[in-house]
C-alpha atoms as a PDB file:
ATOM      1  CA  MET A   1      19.427 -41.750  -6.548  1.00  0.00           C
ATOM      2  CA  SER A   2      21.267 -43.879  -4.031  1.00  0.00           C
ATOM      3  CA  TYR A   3      20.314 -45.609  -0.774  1.00  0.00           C
ATOM      4  CA  ARG A   4      22.700 -46.442   1.965  1.00  0.00           C
ATOM      5  CA  LEU A   5      21.738 -48.619   5.023  1.00  0.00           C
ATOM      6  CA  THR A   6      24.057 -47.870   8.265  1.00  0.00           C
ATOM      7  CA  VAL A   7      23.369 -50.246  11.000  1.00  0.00           C
ATOM      8  CA  THR A   8      24.719 -49.461  14.479  1.00  0.00           C
ATOM      9  CA  LEU A   9      24.270 -51.095  18.015  1.00  0.00           C
ATOM     10  CA  GLY A  10      22.417 -48.116  19.060  1.00  0.00           C
ATOM     11  CA  PHE A  11      20.028 -48.283  16.113  1.00  0.00           C
ATOM     12  CA  LEU A  12      19.410 -52.065  16.788  1.00  0.00           C
ATOM     13  CA  ALA A  13      18.895 -51.267  20.513  1.00  0.00           C
ATOM     14  CA  VAL A  14      15.964 -48.845  19.609  1.00  0.00           C
ATOM     15  CA  ALA A  15      14.544 -51.253  17.050  1.00  0.00           C
ATOM     16  CA  ILE A  16      14.197 -53.941  19.399  1.00  0.00           C
ATOM     17  CA  ALA A  17      12.658 -52.029  22.257  1.00  0.00           C
ATOM     18  CA  ALA A  18       8.861 -51.768  21.041  1.00  0.00           C
ATOM     19  CA  PRO A  19       7.203 -48.622  22.261  1.00  0.00           C
ATOM     20  CA  LEU A  20       4.846 -48.764  25.127  1.00  0.00           C
ATOM     21  CA  PRO A  21       1.125 -47.960  24.549  1.00  0.00           C
ATOM     22  CA  GLY A  22       0.576 -44.202  23.961  1.00  0.00           C
ATOM     23  CA  GLN A  23       4.247 -43.628  23.095  1.00  0.00           C
ATOM     24  CA  THR A  24       5.390 -42.128  19.649  1.00  0.00           C
ATOM     25  CA  THR A  25       8.430 -43.016  17.915  1.00  0.00           C
ATOM     26  CA  GLY A  26      10.707 -40.453  16.076  1.00  0.00           C
ATOM     27  CA  ARG A  27      10.167 -41.927  12.518  1.00  0.00           C
ATOM     28  CA  ALA A  28       6.989 -43.213  10.817  1.00  0.00           C
ATOM     29  CA  THR A  29       6.846 -46.733   9.739  1.00  0.00           C
ATOM     30  CA  PRO A  30       7.256 -47.055   5.946  1.00  0.00           C
ATOM     31  CA  ALA A  31       4.773 -48.671   3.944  1.00  0.00           C
ATOM     32  CA  SER A  32       7.070 -51.508   2.975  1.00  0.00           C
ATOM     33  CA  LYS A  33       7.445 -52.400   6.554  1.00  0.00           C
ATOM     34  CA  ARG A  34       3.740 -52.545   7.515  1.00  0.00           C
ATOM     35  CA  ALA A  35       1.723 -55.755   7.274  1.00  0.00           C
ATOM     36  CA  PRO A  36       0.045 -56.579   3.884  1.00  0.00           C
ATOM     37  CA  ALA A  37      -3.540 -55.219   3.739  1.00  0.00           C
ATOM     38  CA  LYS A  38      -6.403 -57.490   3.689  1.00  0.00           C
ATOM     39  CA  GLY A  39      -9.670 -57.373   1.748  1.00  0.00           C
ATOM     40  CA  ILE A  40      -8.602 -54.725  -0.609  1.00  0.00           C
ATOM     41  CA  PRO A  41      -9.896 -54.862  -4.266  1.00  0.00           C
ATOM     42  CA  ARG A  42      -7.475 -55.920  -6.818  1.00  0.00           C
ATOM     43  CA  THR A  43      -7.304 -55.632 -10.634  1.00  0.00           C
ATOM     44  CA  PRO A  44      -7.241 -58.504 -13.090  1.00  0.00           C
ATOM     45  CA  ASP A  45      -3.418 -58.690 -13.003  1.00  0.00           C
ATOM     46  CA  GLY A  46      -3.557 -59.037  -9.191  1.00  0.00           C
ATOM     47  CA  HIS A  47      -2.177 -55.521  -8.117  1.00  0.00           C
ATOM     48  CA  PRO A  48      -4.329 -53.568  -5.694  1.00  0.00           C
ATOM     49  CA  ASP A  49      -6.986 -51.593  -7.374  1.00  0.00           C
ATOM     50  CA  LEU A  50      -6.253 -47.812  -6.731  1.00  0.00           C
ATOM     51  CA  GLN A  51      -9.244 -46.591  -8.725  1.00  0.00           C
ATOM     52  CA  GLY A  52     -11.966 -44.228  -7.367  1.00  0.00           C
ATOM     53  CA  VAL A  53     -12.341 -40.819  -5.968  1.00  0.00           C
ATOM     54  CA  TRP A  54      -9.990 -39.931  -3.084  1.00  0.00           C
ATOM     55  CA  THR A  55      -9.348 -36.710  -1.141  1.00  0.00           C
ATOM     56  CA  ASN A  56      -6.192 -35.685   0.865  1.00  0.00           C
ATOM     57  CA  ALA A  57      -7.811 -32.816   2.826  1.00  0.00           C
ATOM     58  CA  THR A  58      -6.583 -32.455   6.318  1.00  0.00           C
ATOM     59  CA  LEU A  59      -5.593 -30.079   9.116  1.00  0.00           C
ATOM     60  CA  THR A  60      -2.269 -31.417   9.609  1.00  0.00           C
ATOM     61  CA  PRO A  61       0.399 -28.801   8.573  1.00  0.00           C
ATOM     62  CA  MET A  62       3.179 -29.678   6.398  1.00  0.00           C
ATOM     63  CA  GLU A  63       5.595 -28.788   9.159  1.00  0.00           C
ATOM     64  CA  ARG A  64       5.162 -29.767  12.871  1.00  0.00           C
ATOM     65  CA  PRO A  65       3.851 -26.767  15.072  1.00  0.00           C
ATOM     66  CA  ALA A  66       5.924 -25.724  17.925  1.00  0.00           C
ATOM     67  CA  SER A  67       3.154 -26.783  20.241  1.00  0.00           C
ATOM     68  CA  PHE A  68       3.608 -30.373  19.103  1.00  0.00           C
ATOM     69  CA  ALA A  69       7.584 -30.293  19.153  1.00  0.00           C
ATOM     70  CA  GLY A  70       9.069 -33.732  19.560  1.00  0.00           C
ATOM     71  CA  LYS A  71       5.721 -35.609  19.081  1.00  0.00           C
ATOM     72  CA  THR A  72       5.020 -37.352  15.772  1.00  0.00           C
ATOM     73  CA  SER A  73       1.581 -38.084  16.939  1.00  0.00           C
ATOM     74  CA  VAL A  74      -0.958 -37.079  19.647  1.00  0.00           C
ATOM     75  CA  THR A  75      -3.830 -38.847  21.344  1.00  0.00           C
ATOM     76  CA  ASP A  76      -7.315 -38.340  20.063  1.00  0.00           C
ATOM     77  CA  ALA A  77      -8.102 -35.975  22.946  1.00  0.00           C
ATOM     78  CA  GLU A  78      -5.213 -33.732  21.950  1.00  0.00           C
ATOM     79  CA  ALA A  79      -6.137 -33.878  18.428  1.00  0.00           C
ATOM     80  CA  LYS A  80      -9.580 -32.920  19.143  1.00  0.00           C
ATOM     81  CA  ALA A  81      -8.437 -29.815  21.078  1.00  0.00           C
ATOM     82  CA  TYR A  82      -6.024 -28.757  18.174  1.00  0.00           C
ATOM     83  CA  GLU A  83      -8.800 -29.433  15.531  1.00  0.00           C
ATOM     84  CA  GLN A  84     -11.343 -27.320  17.293  1.00  0.00           C
ATOM     85  CA  SER A  85      -8.785 -24.503  17.848  1.00  0.00           C
ATOM     86  CA  ASP A  86      -7.900 -24.580  14.281  1.00  0.00           C
ATOM     87  CA  LEU A  87     -11.347 -24.599  12.918  1.00  0.00           C
ATOM     88  CA  SER A  88     -12.542 -21.858  15.188  1.00  0.00           C
ATOM     89  CA  ALA A  89      -9.646 -19.607  14.103  1.00  0.00           C
ATOM     90  CA  ASN A  90     -11.134 -19.706  10.619  1.00  0.00           C
ATOM     91  CA  THR A  91     -13.050 -16.363  10.489  1.00  0.00           C
ATOM     92  CA  LEU A  92     -13.244 -15.755   6.638  1.00  0.00           C
ATOM     93  CA  ASP A  93     -16.865 -15.171   6.962  1.00  0.00           C
ATOM     94  CA  SER A  94     -16.995 -13.070  10.359  1.00  0.00           C
ATOM     95  CA  ASP A  95     -14.016 -11.040   9.861  1.00  0.00           C
ATOM     96  CA  VAL A  96     -13.452  -9.343   6.625  1.00  0.00           C
ATOM     97  CA  ASP A  97     -10.337  -7.657   8.064  1.00  0.00           C
ATOM     98  CA  SER A  98      -8.789 -11.105   8.842  1.00  0.00           C
ATOM     99  CA  GLY A  99      -5.018 -11.589   7.964  1.00  0.00           C
ATOM    100  CA  PHE A 100      -6.142 -14.026   5.131  1.00  0.00           C
ATOM    101  CA  ASN A 101      -8.591 -11.477   3.613  1.00  0.00           C
ATOM    102  CA  ARG A 102      -6.003  -8.746   3.603  1.00  0.00           C
ATOM    103  CA  ALA A 103      -3.689 -10.937   1.898  1.00  0.00           C
ATOM    104  CA  THR A 104      -6.267 -11.874  -0.795  1.00  0.00           C
ATOM    105  CA  GLY A 105      -7.878  -8.616  -1.465  1.00  0.00           C
ATOM    106  CA  GLY A 106      -7.829  -6.209   1.279  1.00  0.00           C
ATOM    107  CA  PRO A 107     -10.217  -5.234   4.208  1.00  0.00           C
ATOM    108  CA  GLY A 108     -13.868  -5.672   3.087  1.00  0.00           C
ATOM    109  CA  VAL A 109     -12.928  -7.342  -0.280  1.00  0.00           C
ATOM    110  CA  GLY A 110     -11.413 -10.641   0.771  1.00  0.00           C
ATOM    111  CA  ALA A 111     -11.373 -13.100  -2.243  1.00  0.00           C
ATOM    112  CA  TYR A 112     -12.543 -16.121  -0.232  1.00  0.00           C
ATOM    113  CA  ASN A 113     -15.093 -16.950   2.486  1.00  0.00           C
ATOM    114  CA  ASN A 114     -16.015 -20.408   3.823  1.00  0.00           C
ATOM    115  CA  LEU A 115     -18.040 -21.502   0.913  1.00  0.00           C
ATOM    116  CA  PHE A 116     -14.742 -21.918  -0.742  1.00  0.00           C
ATOM    117  CA  VAL A 117     -12.631 -23.383   1.891  1.00  0.00           C
ATOM    118  CA  ASP A 118     -12.494 -27.173   2.576  1.00  0.00           C
ATOM    119  CA  ARG A 119      -9.460 -28.298   4.460  1.00  0.00           C
ATOM    120  CA  GLY A 120     -11.230 -31.378   6.250  1.00  0.00           C
ATOM    121  CA  SER A 121     -11.986 -31.230   9.798  1.00  0.00           C
ATOM    122  CA  GLU A 122      -9.312 -33.659  11.512  1.00  0.00           C
ATOM    123  CA  LEU A 123      -5.701 -34.147  11.570  1.00  0.00           C
ATOM    124  CA  ALA A 124      -4.445 -37.041   9.318  1.00  0.00           C
ATOM    125  CA  ARG A 125      -4.757 -40.455  10.964  1.00  0.00           C
ATOM    126  CA  VAL A 126      -2.089 -43.056  10.094  1.00  0.00           C
ATOM    127  CA  ASP A 127      -1.232 -46.228  11.744  1.00  0.00           C
ATOM    128  CA  GLY A 128      -4.203 -45.582  14.087  1.00  0.00           C
ATOM    129  CA  VAL A 129      -2.932 -42.340  15.407  1.00  0.00           C
ATOM    130  CA  LYS A 130      -3.342 -38.685  14.506  1.00  0.00           C
ATOM    131  CA  ARG A 131      -0.244 -37.173  12.951  1.00  0.00           C
ATOM    132  CA  THR A 132       1.139 -33.726  13.894  1.00  0.00           C
ATOM    133  CA  SER A 133       2.913 -33.002  10.541  1.00  0.00           C
ATOM    134  CA  LEU A 134       2.892 -34.193   7.162  1.00  0.00           C
ATOM    135  CA  ILE A 135       6.532 -34.453   7.117  1.00  0.00           C
ATOM    136  CA  VAL A 136       7.800 -37.661   8.601  1.00  0.00           C
ATOM    137  CA  ASP A 137      11.576 -37.380   7.752  1.00  0.00           C
ATOM    138  CA  PRO A 138      13.422 -35.557   9.216  1.00  0.00           C
ATOM    139  CA  PRO A 139      12.059 -36.722  12.534  1.00  0.00           C
ATOM    140  CA  ASP A 140      11.633 -33.018  13.795  1.00  0.00           C
ATOM    141  CA  GLY A 141       8.807 -32.657  11.058  1.00  0.00           C
ATOM    142  CA  LYS A 142      10.583 -29.837   9.513  1.00  0.00           C
ATOM    143  CA  ILE A 143      11.811 -29.012   5.970  1.00  0.00           C
ATOM    144  CA  PRO A 144      15.671 -29.218   5.873  1.00  0.00           C
ATOM    145  CA  PRO A 145      17.722 -26.111   5.295  1.00  0.00           C
ATOM    146  CA  ILE A 146      18.211 -24.979   1.785  1.00  0.00           C
ATOM    147  CA  THR A 147      21.537 -24.485   0.031  1.00  0.00           C
ATOM    148  CA  GLU A 148      23.096 -21.240  -0.813  1.00  0.00           C
ATOM    149  CA  ALA A 149      22.230 -21.818  -4.492  1.00  0.00           C
ATOM    150  CA  ALA A 150      18.549 -22.219  -3.612  1.00  0.00           C
ATOM    151  CA  ARG A 151      18.694 -19.010  -1.600  1.00  0.00           C
ATOM    152  CA  GLN A 152      20.046 -17.043  -4.541  1.00  0.00           C
ATOM    153  CA  ARG A 153      17.612 -18.604  -6.825  1.00  0.00           C
ATOM    154  CA  GLY A 154      14.831 -17.706  -4.637  1.00  0.00           C
ATOM    155  CA  ALA A 155      15.836 -14.151  -4.399  1.00  0.00           C
ATOM    156  CA  THR A 156      15.769 -14.008  -8.334  1.00  0.00           C
ATOM    157  CA  MET A 157      12.292 -15.639  -8.326  1.00  0.00           C
ATOM    158  CA  ALA A 158      11.086 -12.992  -5.883  1.00  0.00           C
ATOM    159  CA  ARG A 159      12.305 -10.062  -8.132  1.00  0.00           C
ATOM    160  CA  GLY A 160      10.530 -11.841 -11.165  1.00  0.00           C
ATOM    161  CA  PHE A 161       7.417 -12.019  -9.212  1.00  0.00           C
ATOM    162  CA  ASN A 162       6.876  -8.241  -9.351  1.00  0.00           C
ATOM    163  CA  ARG A 163       7.104  -8.296 -13.149  1.00  0.00           C
ATOM    164  CA  TYR A 164       3.932  -7.250 -14.897  1.00  0.00           C
ATOM    165  CA  ASP A 165       5.074  -6.786 -18.647  1.00  0.00           C
ATOM    166  CA  SER A 166       3.133  -9.592 -19.957  1.00  0.00           C
ATOM    167  CA  VAL A 167       0.733 -12.405 -19.056  1.00  0.00           C
ATOM    168  CA  LYS A 168       3.765 -14.822 -19.165  1.00  0.00           C
ATOM    169  CA  ASP A 169       5.492 -12.911 -16.334  1.00  0.00           C
ATOM    170  CA  ARG A 170       2.855 -14.116 -13.891  1.00  0.00           C
ATOM    171  CA  PRO A 171       2.906 -17.294 -11.865  1.00  0.00           C
ATOM    172  CA  LEU A 172       1.446 -20.474 -13.387  1.00  0.00           C
ATOM    173  CA  ALA A 173      -1.221 -20.832 -10.749  1.00  0.00           C
ATOM    174  CA  GLU A 174      -2.268 -17.042 -11.127  1.00  0.00           C
ATOM    175  CA  ARG A 175      -2.710 -17.896 -14.938  1.00  0.00           C
ATOM    176  CA  CYS A 176      -4.685 -21.079 -14.099  1.00  0.00           C
ATOM    177  CA  ILE A 177      -2.200 -23.291 -15.955  1.00  0.00           C
ATOM    178  CA  ILE A 178      -1.700 -25.497 -12.877  1.00  0.00           C
ATOM    179  CA  GLY A 179      -3.064 -25.542  -9.377  1.00  0.00           C
ATOM    180  CA  PHE A 180      -1.316 -23.579  -6.717  1.00  0.00           C
ATOM    181  CA  GLY A 181       0.293 -25.109  -3.729  1.00  0.00           C
ATOM    182  CA  SER A 182       1.575 -28.284  -5.507  1.00  0.00           C
ATOM    183  CA  THR A 183      -2.008 -29.706  -5.407  1.00  0.00           C
ATOM    184  CA  SER A 184      -1.094 -31.697  -8.687  1.00  0.00           C
ATOM    185  CA  GLY A 185       2.395 -32.343  -7.483  1.00  0.00           C
ATOM    186  CA  PRO A 186       4.390 -34.216  -7.418  1.00  0.00           C
ATOM    187  CA  PRO A 187       4.369 -34.240  -4.587  1.00  0.00           C
ATOM    188  CA  MET A 188       0.452 -33.980  -4.335  1.00  0.00           C
ATOM    189  CA  LEU A 189      -0.336 -31.603  -1.370  1.00  0.00           C
ATOM    190  CA  PRO A 190      -3.537 -30.883   0.243  1.00  0.00           C
ATOM    191  CA  VAL A 191      -4.405 -27.085  -0.108  1.00  0.00           C
ATOM    192  CA  LEU A 192      -7.357 -24.748   0.951  1.00  0.00           C
ATOM    193  CA  TYR A 193     -10.113 -26.455  -1.256  1.00  0.00           C
ATOM    194  CA  ASN A 194     -10.794 -28.908  -4.163  1.00  0.00           C
ATOM    195  CA  ASP A 195      -8.482 -31.589  -2.550  1.00  0.00           C
ATOM    196  CA  ASN A 196     -10.161 -34.324  -4.591  1.00  0.00           C
ATOM    197  CA  TYR A 197      -8.405 -36.859  -7.005  1.00  0.00           C
ATOM    198  CA  GLN A 198      -9.793 -39.380  -9.342  1.00  0.00           C
ATOM    199  CA  ILE A 199      -7.666 -42.376 -10.290  1.00  0.00           C
ATOM    200  CA  VAL A 200      -8.176 -44.676 -13.248  1.00  0.00           C
ATOM    201  CA  GLN A 201      -5.780 -47.615 -13.640  1.00  0.00           C
ATOM    202  CA  THR A 202      -4.697 -50.032 -16.215  1.00  0.00           C
ATOM    203  CA  ALA A 203      -1.898 -52.579 -16.665  1.00  0.00           C
ATOM    204  CA  GLY A 204       0.134 -50.156 -18.563  1.00  0.00           C
ATOM    205  CA  ALA A 205      -0.719 -46.675 -17.006  1.00  0.00           C
ATOM    206  CA  VAL A 206      -2.336 -44.868 -14.058  1.00  0.00           C
ATOM    207  CA  MET A 207      -4.070 -41.652 -14.646  1.00  0.00           C
ATOM    208  CA  ILE A 208      -4.601 -39.212 -11.724  1.00  0.00           C
ATOM    209  CA  LEU A 209      -7.275 -36.400 -12.471  1.00  0.00           C
ATOM    210  CA  VAL A 210      -6.767 -33.492 -10.097  1.00  0.00           C
ATOM    211  CA  GLU A 211      -9.879 -31.663  -9.183  1.00  0.00           C
ATOM    212  CA  MET A 212      -7.930 -28.316  -8.720  1.00  0.00           C
ATOM    213  CA  VAL A 213      -7.589 -26.804 -12.323  1.00  0.00           C
ATOM    214  CA  HIS A 214      -8.207 -30.331 -13.864  1.00  0.00           C
ATOM    215  CA  ASP A 215      -4.538 -31.071 -13.915  1.00  0.00           C
ATOM    216  CA  ILE A 216      -3.913 -34.595 -15.351  1.00  0.00           C
ATOM    217  CA  ARG A 217      -1.084 -36.869 -14.461  1.00  0.00           C
ATOM    218  CA  VAL A 218      -0.261 -39.918 -16.500  1.00  0.00           C
ATOM    219  CA  ILE A 219       2.125 -42.543 -14.882  1.00  0.00           C
ATOM    220  CA  ARG A 220       3.345 -45.037 -17.338  1.00  0.00           C
ATOM    221  CA  ILE A 221       4.056 -48.415 -15.616  1.00  0.00           C
ATOM    222  CA  ASN A 222       7.378 -50.308 -16.158  1.00  0.00           C
ATOM    223  CA  SER A 223       8.427 -47.544 -18.608  1.00  0.00           C
ATOM    224  CA  THR A 224      11.659 -45.366 -19.048  1.00  0.00           C
ATOM    225  CA  HIS A 225      12.017 -41.698 -18.594  1.00  0.00           C
ATOM    226  CA  LYS A 226      11.678 -39.596 -21.616  1.00  0.00           C
ATOM    227  CA  PRO A 227      14.927 -37.825 -22.837  1.00  0.00           C
ATOM    228  CA  ALA A 228      16.542 -35.189 -20.539  1.00  0.00           C
ATOM    229  CA  ASP A 229      15.734 -32.523 -23.014  1.00  0.00           C
ATOM    230  CA  VAL A 230      11.805 -33.212 -22.759  1.00  0.00           C
ATOM    231  CA  ARG A 231      10.704 -31.146 -19.774  1.00  0.00           C
ATOM    232  CA  GLN A 232       7.059 -31.017 -18.445  1.00  0.00           C
ATOM    233  CA  LEU A 233       5.383 -28.791 -15.706  1.00  0.00           C
ATOM    234  CA  LEU A 234       4.465 -31.905 -13.791  1.00  0.00           C
ATOM    235  CA  GLY A 235       7.529 -33.792 -14.638  1.00  0.00           C
ATOM    236  CA  ASP A 236       7.799 -37.301 -16.256  1.00  0.00           C
ATOM    237  CA  SER A 237       6.284 -40.043 -14.119  1.00  0.00           C
ATOM    238  CA  ILE A 238       7.129 -43.598 -14.456  1.00  0.00           C
ATOM    239  CA  GLY A 239       5.809 -46.330 -11.938  1.00  0.00           C
ATOM    240  CA  HIS A 240       6.351 -49.875 -11.131  1.00  0.00           C
ATOM    241  CA  TRP A 241       5.101 -52.214  -8.277  1.00  0.00           C
ATOM    242  CA  GLU A 242       7.003 -53.286  -5.375  1.00  0.00           C
ATOM    243  CA  GLY A 243       4.769 -55.902  -3.881  1.00  0.00           C
ATOM    244  CA  ASP A 244       1.354 -53.938  -3.149  1.00  0.00           C
ATOM    245  CA  THR A 245       2.975 -50.636  -3.356  1.00  0.00           C
ATOM    246  CA  LEU A 246       3.062 -48.437  -6.531  1.00  0.00           C
ATOM    247  CA  VAL A 247       6.391 -46.730  -6.633  1.00  0.00           C
ATOM    248  CA  VAL A 248       6.279 -43.503  -8.942  1.00  0.00           C
ATOM    249  CA  ASP A 249       9.515 -42.001 -10.082  1.00  0.00           C
ATOM    250  CA  THR A 250       9.331 -38.370 -11.357  1.00  0.00           C
ATOM    251  CA  THR A 251      11.963 -36.362 -13.032  1.00  0.00           C
ATOM    252  CA  ASN A 252      12.271 -34.013 -16.204  1.00  0.00           C
ATOM    253  CA  PHE A 253      10.561 -30.862 -14.595  1.00  0.00           C
ATOM    254  CA  THR A 254      10.872 -27.538 -16.268  1.00  0.00           C
ATOM    255  CA  ASP A 255      12.403 -24.556 -14.469  1.00  0.00           C
ATOM    256  CA  LYS A 256       8.856 -23.060 -13.925  1.00  0.00           C
ATOM    257  CA  THR A 257       7.182 -25.345 -11.491  1.00  0.00           C
ATOM    258  CA  ARG A 258       9.640 -24.565  -8.542  1.00  0.00           C
ATOM    259  CA  PHE A 259       8.059 -26.661  -5.615  1.00  0.00           C
ATOM    260  CA  ARG A 260       9.311 -24.975  -2.626  1.00  0.00           C
ATOM    261  CA  GLY A 261      12.122 -23.199  -4.700  1.00  0.00           C
ATOM    262  CA  THR A 262      13.287 -26.479  -6.179  1.00  0.00           C
ATOM    263  CA  SER A 263      15.369 -26.601  -9.435  1.00  0.00           C
ATOM    264  CA  GLU A 264      14.502 -28.320 -12.616  1.00  0.00           C
ATOM    265  CA  ASN A 265      16.624 -31.285 -11.192  1.00  0.00           C
ATOM    266  CA  LEU A 266      14.029 -32.058  -8.637  1.00  0.00           C
ATOM    267  CA  HIS A 267      13.472 -35.840  -8.258  1.00  0.00           C
ATOM    268  CA  VAL A 268      10.327 -37.045  -6.346  1.00  0.00           C
ATOM    269  CA  ILE A 269       9.667 -40.541  -5.544  1.00  0.00           C
ATOM    270  CA  GLU A 270       6.000 -41.518  -4.501  1.00  0.00           C
ATOM    271  CA  ARG A 271       4.564 -44.560  -2.983  1.00  0.00           C
ATOM    272  CA  PHE A 272       0.968 -45.335  -3.166  1.00  0.00           C
ATOM    273  CA  THR A 273      -0.222 -48.060  -0.758  1.00  0.00           C
ATOM    274  CA  ARG A 274      -3.925 -49.264  -0.487  1.00  0.00           C
ATOM    275  CA  VAL A 275      -3.904 -50.045   3.156  1.00  0.00           C
ATOM    276  CA  ASP A 276      -7.524 -50.692   3.540  1.00  0.00           C
ATOM    277  CA  PRO A 277     -10.661 -50.458   1.232  1.00  0.00           C
ATOM    278  CA  GLY A 278     -11.024 -46.646   2.245  1.00  0.00           C
ATOM    279  CA  THR A 279      -7.491 -45.617   2.310  1.00  0.00           C
ATOM    280  CA  ILE A 280      -4.309 -45.161   0.191  1.00  0.00           C
ATOM    281  CA  LEU A 281      -1.438 -44.262   2.246  1.00  0.00           C
ATOM    282  CA  TYR A 282       0.819 -41.653   0.242  1.00  0.00           C
ATOM    283  CA  ARG A 283       4.329 -41.205   0.736  1.00  0.00           C
ATOM    284  CA  ALA A 284       6.574 -38.805  -1.168  1.00  0.00           C
ATOM    285  CA  THR A 285      10.192 -38.162  -1.013  1.00  0.00           C
ATOM    286  CA  ILE A 286      11.745 -34.940  -2.140  1.00  0.00           C
ATOM    287  CA  ASP A 287      15.284 -35.336  -3.638  1.00  0.00           C
ATOM    288  CA  ASP A 288      17.134 -32.046  -5.136  1.00  0.00           C
ATOM    289  CA  PRO A 289      20.632 -31.652  -3.706  1.00  0.00           C
ATOM    290  CA  SER A 290      20.700 -28.273  -5.587  1.00  0.00           C
ATOM    291  CA  THR A 291      17.828 -27.114  -3.374  1.00  0.00           C
ATOM    292  CA  PHE A 292      17.946 -28.779   0.086  1.00  0.00           C
ATOM    293  CA  THR A 293      20.736 -29.943   2.256  1.00  0.00           C
ATOM    294  CA  LYS A 294      19.149 -33.453   2.421  1.00  0.00           C
ATOM    295  CA  GLN A 295      16.195 -35.388   1.211  1.00  0.00           C
ATOM    296  CA  TRP A 296      12.911 -35.236   2.915  1.00  0.00           C
ATOM    297  CA  THR A 297       9.599 -37.286   3.077  1.00  0.00           C
ATOM    298  CA  MET A 298       6.024 -36.525   3.675  1.00  0.00           C
ATOM    299  CA  GLU A 299       3.313 -39.207   4.507  1.00  0.00           C
ATOM    300  CA  TYR A 300      -0.530 -38.783   4.663  1.00  0.00           C
ATOM    301  CA  PRO A 301      -3.669 -40.709   3.782  1.00  0.00           C
ATOM    302  CA  PHE A 302      -5.881 -40.307   0.801  1.00  0.00           C
ATOM    303  CA  LEU A 303      -9.320 -41.309   1.818  1.00  0.00           C
ATOM    304  CA  ALA A 304     -12.196 -42.629  -0.296  1.00  0.00           C
ATOM    305  CA  THR A 305     -14.824 -40.072  -0.938  1.00  0.00           C
ATOM    306  CA  ALA A 306     -18.058 -40.314  -2.808  1.00  0.00           C
ATOM    307  CA  GLY A 307     -17.352 -37.769  -5.489  1.00  0.00           C
ATOM    308  CA  PRO A 308     -17.769 -36.876  -8.212  1.00  0.00           C
ATOM    309  CA  VAL A 309     -14.870 -34.746  -9.209  1.00  0.00           C
ATOM    310  CA  TYR A 310     -16.586 -31.391  -9.996  1.00  0.00           C
ATOM    311  CA  GLU A 311     -15.744 -29.097 -12.952  1.00  0.00           C
ATOM    312  CA  TYR A 312     -13.200 -26.447 -12.115  1.00  0.00           C
ATOM    313  CA  ALA A 313     -13.599 -23.219 -13.827  1.00  0.00           C
ATOM    314  CA  CYS A 314     -10.614 -20.995 -13.056  1.00  0.00           C
ATOM    315  CA  HIS A 315     -10.809 -18.227 -15.770  1.00  0.00           C
ATOM    316  CA  GLU A 316     -14.365 -18.125 -16.728  1.00  0.00           C
ATOM    317  CA  GLY A 317     -15.731 -14.820 -15.790  1.00  0.00           C
ATOM    318  CA  ASN A 318     -12.530 -13.881 -14.125  1.00  0.00           C
ATOM    319  CA  TYR A 319     -11.212 -10.348 -14.554  1.00  0.00           C
ATOM    320  CA  ALA A 320      -8.190 -10.448 -12.419  1.00  0.00           C
ATOM    321  CA  MET A 321      -5.642 -10.868 -15.106  1.00  0.00           C
ATOM    322  CA  PRO A 322      -6.644  -7.820 -17.213  1.00  0.00           C
ATOM    323  CA  ASP A 323      -7.064  -5.963 -14.057  1.00  0.00           C
ATOM    324  CA  ILE A 324      -3.582  -6.919 -12.620  1.00  0.00           C
ATOM    325  CA  LEU A 325      -1.982  -5.915 -16.054  1.00  0.00           C
ATOM    326  CA  GLY A 326      -4.265  -2.825 -16.411  1.00  0.00           C
ATOM    327  CA  GLY A 327      -3.328  -1.754 -12.830  1.00  0.00           C
ATOM    328  CA  ALA A 328       0.310  -2.117 -13.634  1.00  0.00           C
ATOM    329  CA  ARG A 329      -0.068   0.251 -16.708  1.00  0.00           C
ATOM    330  CA  LYS A 330      -1.995   2.656 -14.770  1.00  0.00           C
ATOM    331  CA  LEU A 331       0.929   2.916 -12.208  1.00  0.00           C
ATOM    332  CA  GLU A 332       3.395   3.192 -14.874  1.00  0.00           C
ATOM    333  CA  GLY A 333       1.444   6.262 -16.386  1.00  0.00           C
ATOM    334  CA  GLU A 334       1.233   7.892 -13.046  1.00  0.00           C
ATOM    335  CA  THR A 335       5.041   7.430 -12.602  1.00  0.00           C
ATOM    336  CA  GLU A 336       5.707   9.063 -16.031  1.00  0.00           C
ATOM    337  CA  LYS A 337       3.447  12.045 -15.053  1.00  0.00           C
ATOM    338  CA  LYS A 338       5.551  12.734 -12.105  1.00  0.00           C
END
């Protein structure tokens, strides 16, 4: 991966002019440009202590809604109105015929109710203001266009999704192998529930236990990547410290994870910065030229929570998989009779 810095007079003019109170800028301030945090705990080797239980639950969507077009952040009053509207639209308990319930089991038999859902109650707050999207680059808060190769790959994947010949044909999350929605990442995204993470840190490694499906990431510090033919569902993560920021570089994905349709060439660069005792600022850059026309970056906080990380039992007492395959066999039998 390469970085190029292009400086123009126009850019300098923007950089010199500080925003007025209440204004928002087109780009978020990267962690490396923020003032060093004070009063944060440190490990014996002097690095920030990232250990503890954290949550990234937030109502902030990945992509910026049309109602917030052109605004990277909003006032607290605007945020409160959006939050109340978002939460009031959650009708999983009161409306069994909601769009969500139809998608997860049909009218009257929806798979979820509000007991399961925990997306938090607020938009993500970074640098003192509420963010309108997890994506901070591109400035419009949108995922960049995908390549033609990715479009063709996606069509092939969609056809494969309708295969029911064996358990191995079904998606990884459906089989409880890894969490859905890239909750374990990388990048580690907030989803509908179980957005808790426990971090254990030593001088040589950082372990992240993901509450969803109990996925585990082990980041080897000051190490090198495994050989290219060693592929892992969560990739191969190595880390190093840049000042008070832990930078994690992940490659060596399989062709099965497919974050947003990515290829096995996906490269994710994460940055963990403990900005205060109760917050880790998380920043993840997605780099896959075979999928996206440009790199893109997300940024949002992980907030300290009391914990603990509870057991996640995905398949115990779960009749879904035999029912899915059994239903497919039944449909095949009915087709043969015709």
